[in-house]
Amino acid sequence: MSHSSQVVQKLWNYCNVLRDDGMSYGDYVEQLTYLLQHAFRREM
């Protein structure tokens, strides 16, 4: 599996966890944005 495929899979896993926790749309977007920023910083 390529690196980008792994990142996409991890993001979808996080999406499922957040959705299953019953988060509001705004909270959901905020958390996903934070996770993406964190992932990009780790890549640098």
N, C-alpha and C. Protein backbone atom coordinates (compact mmCIF):
# COMPACT_ATOMS: atom_id res chain seq x y z
N MET A 1 0.86 -1.17 0.00
CA MET A 1 0.00 0.00 0.00
C MET A 1 0.90 1.24 0.00
N SER A 2 0.61 2.21 -0.85
CA SER A 2 1.42 3.42 -0.94
C SER A 2 1.20 4.31 0.29
N HIS A 3 2.14 5.22 0.48
CA HIS A 3 2.05 6.13 1.64
C HIS A 3 0.77 6.95 1.61
N SER A 4 0.42 7.47 0.43
CA SER A 4 -0.80 8.29 0.34
C SER A 4 -2.04 7.45 0.62
N SER A 5 -2.03 6.20 0.20
CA SER A 5 -3.17 5.32 0.50
C SER A 5 -3.29 5.06 1.99
N GLN A 6 -2.15 4.95 2.66
CA GLN A 6 -2.16 4.75 4.12
C GLN A 6 -2.72 5.97 4.83
N VAL A 7 -2.33 7.16 4.36
CA VAL A 7 -2.84 8.40 4.97
C VAL A 7 -4.35 8.50 4.77
N VAL A 8 -4.81 8.20 3.56
CA VAL A 8 -6.25 8.25 3.28
C VAL A 8 -7.00 7.25 4.16
N GLN A 9 -6.46 6.05 4.31
CA GLN A 9 -7.11 5.04 5.13
C GLN A 9 -7.18 5.47 6.59
N LYS A 10 -6.10 6.05 7.09
CA LYS A 10 -6.11 6.55 8.48
C LYS A 10 -7.14 7.65 8.65
N LEU A 11 -7.22 8.56 7.67
CA LEU A 11 -8.19 9.65 7.75
C LEU A 11 -9.62 9.10 7.78
N TRP A 12 -9.91 8.13 6.93
CA TRP A 12 -11.25 7.54 6.94
C TRP A 12 -11.54 6.84 8.26
N ASN A 13 -10.53 6.20 8.84
CA ASN A 13 -10.73 5.57 10.15
C ASN A 13 -11.08 6.61 11.20
N TYR A 14 -10.37 7.76 11.18
CA TYR A 14 -10.68 8.84 12.11
C TYR A 14 -12.09 9.37 11.86
N CYS A 15 -12.46 9.50 10.60
CA CYS A 15 -13.81 9.97 10.26
C CYS A 15 -14.87 9.06 10.88
N ASN A 16 -14.66 7.77 10.75
CA ASN A 16 -15.63 6.82 11.30
C ASN A 16 -15.73 6.93 12.81
N VAL A 17 -14.60 7.09 13.48
CA VAL A 17 -14.60 7.22 14.94
C VAL A 17 -15.35 8.48 15.36
N LEU A 18 -15.02 9.60 14.72
CA LEU A 18 -15.68 10.86 15.07
C LEU A 18 -17.18 10.81 14.79
N ARG A 19 -17.55 10.25 13.66
CA ARG A 19 -18.97 10.15 13.31
C ARG A 19 -19.71 9.27 14.30
N ASP A 20 -19.09 8.16 14.68
CA ASP A 20 -19.73 7.24 15.61
C ASP A 20 -19.86 7.82 17.01
N ASP A 21 -19.03 8.83 17.34
CA ASP A 21 -19.12 9.49 18.65
C ASP A 21 -20.24 10.52 18.69
N GLY A 22 -20.89 10.76 17.56
CA GLY A 22 -22.02 11.68 17.51
C GLY A 22 -21.63 13.14 17.55
N MET A 23 -20.48 13.47 17.01
CA MET A 23 -20.03 14.86 17.00
C MET A 23 -20.87 15.69 16.03
N SER A 24 -20.97 16.98 16.34
CA SER A 24 -21.67 17.89 15.43
C SER A 24 -20.79 18.12 14.19
N TYR A 25 -21.38 18.64 13.13
CA TYR A 25 -20.65 18.86 11.89
C TYR A 25 -19.47 19.80 12.10
N GLY A 26 -19.68 20.89 12.82
CA GLY A 26 -18.60 21.84 13.07
C GLY A 26 -17.45 21.23 13.83
N ASP A 27 -17.76 20.45 14.87
CA ASP A 27 -16.71 19.77 15.65
C ASP A 27 -15.98 18.75 14.79
N TYR A 28 -16.73 18.07 13.96
CA TYR A 28 -16.19 17.04 13.07
C TYR A 28 -15.15 17.65 12.13
N VAL A 29 -15.51 18.76 11.50
CA VAL A 29 -14.60 19.44 10.57
C VAL A 29 -13.38 19.98 11.32
N GLU A 30 -13.60 20.53 12.49
CA GLU A 30 -12.48 21.07 13.28
C GLU A 30 -11.48 19.97 13.62
N GLN A 31 -11.96 18.83 14.06
CA GLN A 31 -11.08 17.73 14.44
C GLN A 31 -10.33 17.17 13.23
N LEU A 32 -11.01 17.03 12.12
CA LEU A 32 -10.35 16.52 10.91
C LEU A 32 -9.27 17.49 10.43
N THR A 33 -9.55 18.79 10.52
CA THR A 33 -8.56 19.79 10.13
C THR A 33 -7.33 19.68 11.02
N TYR A 34 -7.56 19.54 12.32
CA TYR A 34 -6.44 19.40 13.25
C TYR A 34 -5.61 18.15 12.92
N LEU A 35 -6.28 17.04 12.68
CA LEU A 35 -5.57 15.80 12.39
C LEU A 35 -4.76 15.90 11.10
N LEU A 36 -5.31 16.54 10.08
CA LEU A 36 -4.58 16.71 8.82
C LEU A 36 -3.35 17.61 9.01
N GLN A 37 -3.52 18.70 9.75
CA GLN A 37 -2.39 19.59 10.01
C GLN A 37 -1.30 18.85 10.77
N HIS A 38 -1.70 18.08 11.75
CA HIS A 38 -0.74 17.30 12.54
C HIS A 38 0.02 16.31 11.65
N ALA A 39 -0.70 15.65 10.77
CA ALA A 39 -0.07 14.67 9.87
C ALA A 39 0.92 15.35 8.93
N PHE A 40 0.55 16.51 8.40
CA PHE A 40 1.44 17.23 7.49
C PHE A 40 2.70 17.70 8.22
N ARG A 41 2.54 18.16 9.44
CA ARG A 41 3.72 18.61 10.21
C ARG A 41 4.68 17.46 10.49
N ARG A 42 4.14 16.29 10.74
CA ARG A 42 4.98 15.13 10.99
C ARG A 42 5.76 14.73 9.75
N GLU A 43 5.20 15.00 8.57
CA GLU A 43 5.84 14.64 7.31
C GLU A 43 7.01 15.56 6.98
N MET A 44 7.04 16.74 7.55
CA MET A 44 8.10 17.72 7.24
C MET A 44 9.37 17.39 7.96
